[in-house]
Amino acid sequence: MEELLRTNDPVLISFLESILEEAGIKHFVADGNMSIMEGSLAMIPRRILVDSDQIHKARSLVRDAGLEHELRPVKDAN
């Protein structure tokens, strides 16, 4: 899986999960339970991970939603 984006914004996470689910893109929100450890201070961003074979489609959906600034940088192929 590859990291699509990371954020502390629960509304953004919910919105992106909806977009990904509608497109049939499997994803996982990592670090979602870290709020228990940090005391719900939202200091640890949640990461949305997507299967490597669907990362390009997922990135395109995020751009189409006008949220390109939220995307993680593309990994170097090296």
PDB file of N, CA and C in Angstrom:
ATOM      1  N   MET A   1       0.841  -1.179   0.000  1.00  0.00           N
ATOM      2  CA  MET A   1       0.000   0.000   0.000  1.00  0.00           C
ATOM      3  C   MET A   1       0.885   1.241   0.000  1.00  0.00           C
ATOM      4  N   GLU A   2       0.363   2.298  -0.603  1.00  0.00           N
ATOM      5  CA  GLU A   2       1.098   3.558  -0.668  1.00  0.00           C
ATOM      6  C   GLU A   2       0.284   4.654   0.005  1.00  0.00           C
ATOM      7  N   GLU A   3       0.995   5.604   0.576  1.00  0.00           N
ATOM      8  CA  GLU A   3       0.345   6.719   1.257  1.00  0.00           C
ATOM      9  C   GLU A   3      -0.193   7.717   0.241  1.00  0.00           C
ATOM     10  N   LEU A   4      -1.483   7.955   0.309  1.00  0.00           N
ATOM     11  CA  LEU A   4      -2.126   8.939  -0.561  1.00  0.00           C
ATOM     12  C   LEU A   4      -2.014  10.328   0.053  1.00  0.00           C
ATOM     13  N   LEU A   5      -2.362  10.419   1.333  1.00  0.00           N
ATOM     14  CA  LEU A   5      -2.234  11.686   2.044  1.00  0.00           C
ATOM     15  C   LEU A   5      -2.278  11.444   3.532  1.00  0.00           C
ATOM     16  N   ARG A   6      -1.956  12.493   4.288  1.00  0.00           N
ATOM     17  CA  ARG A   6      -2.081  12.439   5.745  1.00  0.00           C
ATOM     18  C   ARG A   6      -2.669  13.753   6.230  1.00  0.00           C
ATOM     19  N   THR A   7      -3.524  13.628   7.241  1.00  0.00           N
ATOM     20  CA  THR A   7      -4.223  14.803   7.741  1.00  0.00           C
ATOM     21  C   THR A   7      -4.752  14.551   9.145  1.00  0.00           C
ATOM     22  N   ASN A   8      -5.025  15.628   9.848  1.00  0.00           N
ATOM     23  CA  ASN A   8      -5.694  15.565  11.153  1.00  0.00           C
ATOM     24  C   ASN A   8      -7.170  15.900  11.026  1.00  0.00           C
ATOM     25  N   ASP A   9      -7.621  16.218   9.830  1.00  0.00           N
ATOM     26  CA  ASP A   9      -8.985  16.682   9.587  1.00  0.00           C
ATOM     27  C   ASP A   9      -9.944  15.497   9.392  1.00  0.00           C
ATOM     28  N   PRO A  10     -10.791  15.210  10.384  1.00  0.00           N
ATOM     29  CA  PRO A  10     -11.699  14.063  10.268  1.00  0.00           C
ATOM     30  C   PRO A  10     -12.737  14.225   9.155  1.00  0.00           C
ATOM     31  N   VAL A  11     -13.111  15.461   8.845  1.00  0.00           N
ATOM     32  CA  VAL A  11     -14.067  15.696   7.762  1.00  0.00           C
ATOM     33  C   VAL A  11     -13.432  15.352   6.420  1.00  0.00           C
ATOM     34  N   LEU A  12     -12.184  15.758   6.224  1.00  0.00           N
ATOM     35  CA  LEU A  12     -11.463  15.435   4.994  1.00  0.00           C
ATOM     36  C   LEU A  12     -11.309  13.923   4.851  1.00  0.00           C
ATOM     37  N   ILE A  13     -10.971  13.250   5.936  1.00  0.00           N
ATOM     38  CA  ILE A  13     -10.813  11.789   5.895  1.00  0.00           C
ATOM     39  C   ILE A  13     -12.127  11.136   5.482  1.00  0.00           C
ATOM     40  N   SER A  14     -13.213  11.558   6.092  1.00  0.00           N
ATOM     41  CA  SER A  14     -14.523  10.996   5.770  1.00  0.00           C
ATOM     42  C   SER A  14     -14.890  11.244   4.309  1.00  0.00           C
ATOM     43  N   PHE A  15     -14.641  12.452   3.827  1.00  0.00           N
ATOM     44  CA  PHE A  15     -14.930  12.809   2.443  1.00  0.00           C
ATOM     45  C   PHE A  15     -14.127  11.939   1.479  1.00  0.00           C
ATOM     46  N   LEU A  16     -12.833  11.786   1.749  1.00  0.00           N
ATOM     47  CA  LEU A  16     -11.987  10.994   0.861  1.00  0.00           C
ATOM     48  C   LEU A  16     -12.345   9.514   0.908  1.00  0.00           C
ATOM     49  N   GLU A  17     -12.706   9.023   2.085  1.00  0.00           N
ATOM     50  CA  GLU A  17     -13.144   7.634   2.169  1.00  0.00           C
ATOM     51  C   GLU A  17     -14.378   7.419   1.293  1.00  0.00           C
ATOM     52  N   SER A  18     -15.292   8.360   1.309  1.00  0.00           N
ATOM     53  CA  SER A  18     -16.500   8.279   0.493  1.00  0.00           C
ATOM     54  C   SER A  18     -16.155   8.247  -0.995  1.00  0.00           C
ATOM     55  N   ILE A  19     -15.259   9.132  -1.415  1.00  0.00           N
ATOM     56  CA  ILE A  19     -14.841   9.185  -2.821  1.00  0.00           C
ATOM     57  C   ILE A  19     -14.184   7.865  -3.235  1.00  0.00           C
ATOM     58  N   LEU A  20     -13.293   7.373  -2.390  1.00  0.00           N
ATOM     59  CA  LEU A  20     -12.571   6.137  -2.716  1.00  0.00           C
ATOM     60  C   LEU A  20     -13.514   4.941  -2.756  1.00  0.00           C
ATOM     61  N   GLU A  21     -14.415   4.857  -1.788  1.00  0.00           N
ATOM     62  CA  GLU A  21     -15.376   3.748  -1.765  1.00  0.00           C
ATOM     63  C   GLU A  21     -16.268   3.762  -2.999  1.00  0.00           C
ATOM     64  N   GLU A  22     -16.732   4.936  -3.374  1.00  0.00           N
ATOM     65  CA  GLU A  22     -17.600   5.064  -4.552  1.00  0.00           C
ATOM     66  C   GLU A  22     -16.873   4.613  -5.822  1.00  0.00           C
ATOM     67  N   ALA A  23     -15.571   4.859  -5.880  1.00  0.00           N
ATOM     68  CA  ALA A  23     -14.771   4.476  -7.041  1.00  0.00           C
ATOM     69  C   ALA A  23     -14.296   3.026  -6.967  1.00  0.00           C
ATOM     70  N   GLY A  24     -14.600   2.344  -5.867  1.00  0.00           N
ATOM     71  CA  GLY A  24     -14.183   0.951  -5.712  1.00  0.00           C
ATOM     72  C   GLY A  24     -12.707   0.784  -5.403  1.00  0.00           C
ATOM     73  N   ILE A  25     -12.097   1.821  -4.833  1.00  0.00           N
ATOM     74  CA  ILE A  25     -10.673   1.770  -4.507  1.00  0.00           C
ATOM     75  C   ILE A  25     -10.506   1.341  -3.054  1.00  0.00           C
ATOM     76  N   LYS A  26      -9.800   0.220  -2.862  1.00  0.00           N
ATOM     77  CA  LYS A  26      -9.546  -0.261  -1.513  1.00  0.00           C
ATOM     78  C   LYS A  26      -8.571   0.685  -0.824  1.00  0.00           C
ATOM     79  N   HIS A  27      -8.856   0.984   0.441  1.00  0.00           N
ATOM     80  CA  HIS A  27      -7.994   1.904   1.188  1.00  0.00           C
ATOM     81  C   HIS A  27      -8.023   1.542   2.664  1.00  0.00           C
ATOM     82  N   PHE A  28      -7.108   2.143   3.397  1.00  0.00           N
ATOM     83  CA  PHE A  28      -6.997   1.915   4.833  1.00  0.00           C
ATOM     84  C   PHE A  28      -6.585   3.221   5.489  1.00  0.00           C
ATOM     85  N   VAL A  29      -7.250   3.581   6.583  1.00  0.00           N
ATOM     86  CA  VAL A  29      -6.862   4.772   7.336  1.00  0.00           C
ATOM     87  C   VAL A  29      -5.978   4.303   8.496  1.00  0.00           C
ATOM     88  N   ALA A  30      -4.686   4.601   8.385  1.00  0.00           N
ATOM     89  CA  ALA A  30      -3.718   4.193   9.398  1.00  0.00           C
ATOM     90  C   ALA A  30      -3.627   5.248  10.496  1.00  0.00           C
ATOM     91  N   ASP A  31      -3.283   4.816  11.665  1.00  0.00           N
ATOM     92  CA  ASP A  31      -3.084   5.688  12.822  1.00  0.00           C
ATOM     93  C   ASP A  31      -4.387   6.263  13.359  1.00  0.00           C
ATOM     94  N   GLY A  32      -5.516   5.692  12.962  1.00  0.00           N
ATOM     95  CA  GLY A  32      -6.811   6.181  13.416  1.00  0.00           C
ATOM     96  C   GLY A  32      -7.025   6.024  14.907  1.00  0.00           C
ATOM     97  N   ASN A  33      -6.394   5.041  15.508  1.00  0.00           N
ATOM     98  CA  ASN A  33      -6.569   4.804  16.939  1.00  0.00           C
ATOM     99  C   ASN A  33      -5.485   5.474  17.790  1.00  0.00           C
ATOM    100  N   MET A  34      -4.616   6.222  17.162  1.00  0.00           N
ATOM    101  CA  MET A  34      -3.543   6.878  17.913  1.00  0.00           C
ATOM    102  C   MET A  34      -4.082   7.993  18.810  1.00  0.00           C
ATOM    103  N   SER A  35      -5.314   8.457  18.569  1.00  0.00           N
ATOM    104  CA  SER A  35      -5.884   9.502  19.417  1.00  0.00           C
ATOM    105  C   SER A  35      -6.009   9.017  20.858  1.00  0.00           C
ATOM    106  N   ILE A  36      -6.151   7.720  21.040  1.00  0.00           N
ATOM    107  CA  ILE A  36      -6.205   7.157  22.388  1.00  0.00           C
ATOM    108  C   ILE A  36      -4.868   7.376  23.088  1.00  0.00           C
ATOM    109  N   MET A  37      -3.792   7.155  22.344  1.00  0.00           N
ATOM    110  CA  MET A  37      -2.447   7.298  22.902  1.00  0.00           C
ATOM    111  C   MET A  37      -2.079   8.765  23.138  1.00  0.00           C
ATOM    112  N   GLU A  38      -2.517   9.646  22.254  1.00  0.00           N
ATOM    113  CA  GLU A  38      -2.112  11.047  22.332  1.00  0.00           C
ATOM    114  C   GLU A  38      -3.071  11.898  23.149  1.00  0.00           C
ATOM    115  N   GLY A  39      -4.162  11.318  23.607  1.00  0.00           N
ATOM    116  CA  GLY A  39      -5.117  12.071  24.409  1.00  0.00           C
ATOM    117  C   GLY A  39      -6.067  12.923  23.596  1.00  0.00           C
ATOM    118  N   SER A  40      -6.350  12.510  22.361  1.00  0.00           N
ATOM    119  CA  SER A  40      -7.287  13.203  21.461  1.00  0.00           C
ATOM    120  C   SER A  40      -6.876  14.644  21.142  1.00  0.00           C
ATOM    121  N   LEU A  41      -5.594  14.891  21.063  1.00  0.00           N
ATOM    122  CA  LEU A  41      -5.099  16.226  20.740  1.00  0.00           C
ATOM    123  C   LEU A  41      -4.909  16.442  19.241  1.00  0.00           C
ATOM    124  N   ALA A  42      -5.124  15.390  18.443  1.00  0.00           N
ATOM    125  CA  ALA A  42      -4.968  15.453  16.981  1.00  0.00           C
ATOM    126  C   ALA A  42      -3.566  15.877  16.570  1.00  0.00           C
ATOM    127  N   MET A  43      -2.582  15.420  17.312  1.00  0.00           N
ATOM    128  CA  MET A  43      -1.195  15.748  16.982  1.00  0.00           C
ATOM    129  C   MET A  43      -0.605  14.766  15.964  1.00  0.00           C
ATOM    130  N   ILE A  44      -1.130  13.566  15.927  1.00  0.00           N
ATOM    131  CA  ILE A  44      -0.628  12.549  15.011  1.00  0.00           C
ATOM    132  C   ILE A  44      -1.586  12.455  13.825  1.00  0.00           C
ATOM    133  N   PRO A  45      -1.113  12.831  12.642  1.00  0.00           N
ATOM    134  CA  PRO A  45      -2.003  12.795  11.482  1.00  0.00           C
ATOM    135  C   PRO A  45      -2.358  11.360  11.093  1.00  0.00           C
ATOM    136  N   ARG A  46      -3.553  11.198  10.564  1.00  0.00           N
ATOM    137  CA  ARG A  46      -3.992   9.910  10.041  1.00  0.00           C
ATOM    138  C   ARG A  46      -3.517   9.823   8.600  1.00  0.00           C
ATOM    139  N   ARG A  47      -3.162   8.617   8.186  1.00  0.00           N
ATOM    140  CA  ARG A  47      -2.680   8.407   6.820  1.00  0.00           C
ATOM    141  C   ARG A  47      -3.689   7.568   6.057  1.00  0.00           C
ATOM    142  N   ILE A  48      -4.019   8.009   4.860  1.00  0.00           N
ATOM    143  CA  ILE A  48      -4.872   7.209   3.990  1.00  0.00           C
ATOM    144  C   ILE A  48      -3.957   6.458   3.034  1.00  0.00           C
ATOM    145  N   LEU A  49      -4.031   5.130   3.117  1.00  0.00           N
ATOM    146  CA  LEU A  49      -3.209   4.254   2.293  1.00  0.00           C
ATOM    147  C   LEU A  49      -4.081   3.594   1.235  1.00  0.00           C
ATOM    148  N   VAL A  50      -3.522   3.439   0.045  1.00  0.00           N
ATOM    149  CA  VAL A  50      -4.239   2.871  -1.096  1.00  0.00           C
ATOM    150  C   VAL A  50      -3.360   1.789  -1.712  1.00  0.00           C
ATOM    151  N   ASP A  51      -4.001   0.735  -2.246  1.00  0.00           N
ATOM    152  CA  ASP A  51      -3.244  -0.302  -2.943  1.00  0.00           C
ATOM    153  C   ASP A  51      -2.390   0.332  -4.034  1.00  0.00           C
ATOM    154  N   SER A  52      -1.172  -0.173  -4.175  1.00  0.00           N
ATOM    155  CA  SER A  52      -0.219   0.392  -5.136  1.00  0.00           C
ATOM    156  C   SER A  52      -0.755   0.407  -6.563  1.00  0.00           C
ATOM    157  N   ASP A  53      -1.542  -0.605  -6.909  1.00  0.00           N
ATOM    158  CA  ASP A  53      -2.050  -0.666  -8.286  1.00  0.00           C
ATOM    159  C   ASP A  53      -3.192   0.325  -8.542  1.00  0.00           C
ATOM    160  N   GLN A  54      -3.671   1.002  -7.485  1.00  0.00           N
ATOM    161  CA  GLN A  54      -4.753   1.970  -7.655  1.00  0.00           C
ATOM    162  C   GLN A  54      -4.362   3.389  -7.219  1.00  0.00           C
ATOM    163  N   ILE A  55      -3.090   3.597  -6.912  1.00  0.00           N
ATOM    164  CA  ILE A  55      -2.659   4.888  -6.387  1.00  0.00           C
ATOM    165  C   ILE A  55      -2.848   6.009  -7.422  1.00  0.00           C
ATOM    166  N   HIS A  56      -2.593   5.729  -8.688  1.00  0.00           N
ATOM    167  CA  HIS A  56      -2.727   6.776  -9.714  1.00  0.00           C
ATOM    168  C   HIS A  56      -4.185   7.201  -9.873  1.00  0.00           C
ATOM    169  N   LYS A  57      -5.088   6.239  -9.854  1.00  0.00           N
ATOM    170  CA  LYS A  57      -6.520   6.542  -9.947  1.00  0.00           C
ATOM    171  C   LYS A  57      -6.973   7.335  -8.720  1.00  0.00           C
ATOM    172  N   ALA A  58      -6.494   6.931  -7.547  1.00  0.00           N
ATOM    173  CA  ALA A  58      -6.864   7.625  -6.312  1.00  0.00           C
ATOM    174  C   ALA A  58      -6.346   9.066  -6.326  1.00  0.00           C
ATOM    175  N   ARG A  59      -5.105   9.258  -6.754  1.00  0.00           N
ATOM    176  CA  ARG A  59      -4.544  10.608  -6.832  1.00  0.00           C
ATOM    177  C   ARG A  59      -5.348  11.473  -7.803  1.00  0.00           C
ATOM    178  N   SER A  60      -5.786  10.882  -8.905  1.00  0.00           N
ATOM    179  CA  SER A  60      -6.590  11.604  -9.884  1.00  0.00           C
ATOM    180  C   SER A  60      -7.931  12.042  -9.273  1.00  0.00           C
ATOM    181  N   LEU A  61      -8.552  11.168  -8.491  1.00  0.00           N
ATOM    182  CA  LEU A  61      -9.814  11.513  -7.840  1.00  0.00           C
ATOM    183  C   LEU A  61      -9.636  12.655  -6.845  1.00  0.00           C
ATOM    184  N   VAL A  62      -8.536  12.641  -6.121  1.00  0.00           N
ATOM    185  CA  VAL A  62      -8.262  13.711  -5.153  1.00  0.00           C
ATOM    186  C   VAL A  62      -8.054  15.037  -5.896  1.00  0.00           C
ATOM    187  N   ARG A  63      -7.316  14.991  -7.002  1.00  0.00           N
ATOM    188  CA  ARG A  63      -7.124  16.213  -7.809  1.00  0.00           C
ATOM    189  C   ARG A  63      -8.458  16.716  -8.351  1.00  0.00           C
ATOM    190  N   ASP A  64      -9.285  15.798  -8.849  1.00  0.00           N
ATOM    191  CA  ASP A  64     -10.594  16.184  -9.395  1.00  0.00           C
ATOM    192  C   ASP A  64     -11.486  16.822  -8.335  1.00  0.00           C
ATOM    193  N   ALA A  65     -11.277  16.441  -7.078  1.00  0.00           N
ATOM    194  CA  ALA A  65     -12.059  17.004  -5.972  1.00  0.00           C
ATOM    195  C   ALA A  65     -11.504  18.355  -5.517  1.00  0.00           C
ATOM    196  N   GLY A  66     -10.431  18.816  -6.166  1.00  0.00           N
ATOM    197  CA  GLY A  66      -9.840  20.110  -5.818  1.00  0.00           C
ATOM    198  C   GLY A  66      -8.965  20.071  -4.586  1.00  0.00           C
ATOM    199  N   LEU A  67      -8.457  18.898  -4.258  1.00  0.00           N
ATOM    200  CA  LEU A  67      -7.656  18.732  -3.034  1.00  0.00           C
ATOM    201  C   LEU A  67      -6.218  18.312  -3.324  1.00  0.00           C
ATOM    202  N   GLU A  68      -5.722  18.710  -4.473  1.00  0.00           N
ATOM    203  CA  GLU A  68      -4.368  18.319  -4.870  1.00  0.00           C
ATOM    204  C   GLU A  68      -3.320  18.730  -3.833  1.00  0.00           C
ATOM    205  N   HIS A  69      -3.544  19.850  -3.165  1.00  0.00           N
ATOM    206  CA  HIS A  69      -2.588  20.342  -2.168  1.00  0.00           C
ATOM    207  C   HIS A  69      -2.458  19.397  -0.968  1.00  0.00           C
ATOM    208  N   GLU A  70      -3.394  18.481  -0.792  1.00  0.00           N
ATOM    209  CA  GLU A  70      -3.361  17.530   0.316  1.00  0.00           C
ATOM    210  C   GLU A  70      -2.539  16.279   0.000  1.00  0.00           C
ATOM    211  N   LEU A  71      -2.258  16.025  -1.290  1.00  0.00           N
ATOM    212  CA  LEU A  71      -1.573  14.809  -1.697  1.00  0.00           C
ATOM    213  C   LEU A  71      -0.132  14.754  -1.201  1.00  0.00           C
ATOM    214  N   ARG A  72       0.314  13.552  -0.890  1.00  0.00           N
ATOM    215  CA  ARG A  72       1.713  13.338  -0.545  1.00  0.00           C
ATOM    216  C   ARG A  72       2.520  13.381  -1.840  1.00  0.00           C
ATOM    217  N   PRO A  73       3.784  13.761  -1.755  1.00  0.00           N
ATOM    218  CA  PRO A  73       4.628  13.770  -2.964  1.00  0.00           C
ATOM    219  C   PRO A  73       4.731  12.360  -3.562  1.00  0.00           C
ATOM    220  N   VAL A  74       4.869  12.301  -4.875  1.00  0.00           N
ATOM    221  CA  VAL A  74       5.012  11.024  -5.558  1.00  0.00           C
ATOM    222  C   VAL A  74       6.370  10.438  -5.223  1.00  0.00           C
ATOM    223  N   LYS A  75       6.376   9.143  -4.905  1.00  0.00           N
ATOM    224  CA  LYS A  75       7.636   8.458  -4.596  1.00  0.00           C
ATOM    225  C   LYS A  75       8.488   8.355  -5.839  1.00  0.00           C
ATOM    226  N   ASP A  76       9.791   8.471  -5.635  1.00  0.00           N
ATOM    227  CA  ASP A  76      10.747   8.305  -6.715  1.00  0.00           C
ATOM    228  C   ASP A  76      10.841   6.820  -7.055  1.00  0.00           C
ATOM    229  N   ALA A  77      10.891   6.477  -8.336  1.00  0.00           N
ATOM    230  CA  ALA A  77      10.910   5.071  -8.771  1.00  0.00           C
ATOM    231  C   ALA A  77      12.229   4.383  -8.481  1.00  0.00           C
ATOM    232  N   ASN A  78      13.239   5.108  -7.992  1.00  0.00           N
ATOM    233  CA  ASN A  78      14.559   4.507  -7.737  1.00  0.00           C
ATOM    234  C   ASN A  78      14.519   3.641  -6.559  1.00  0.00           C
TER     235      ASN A  78
END
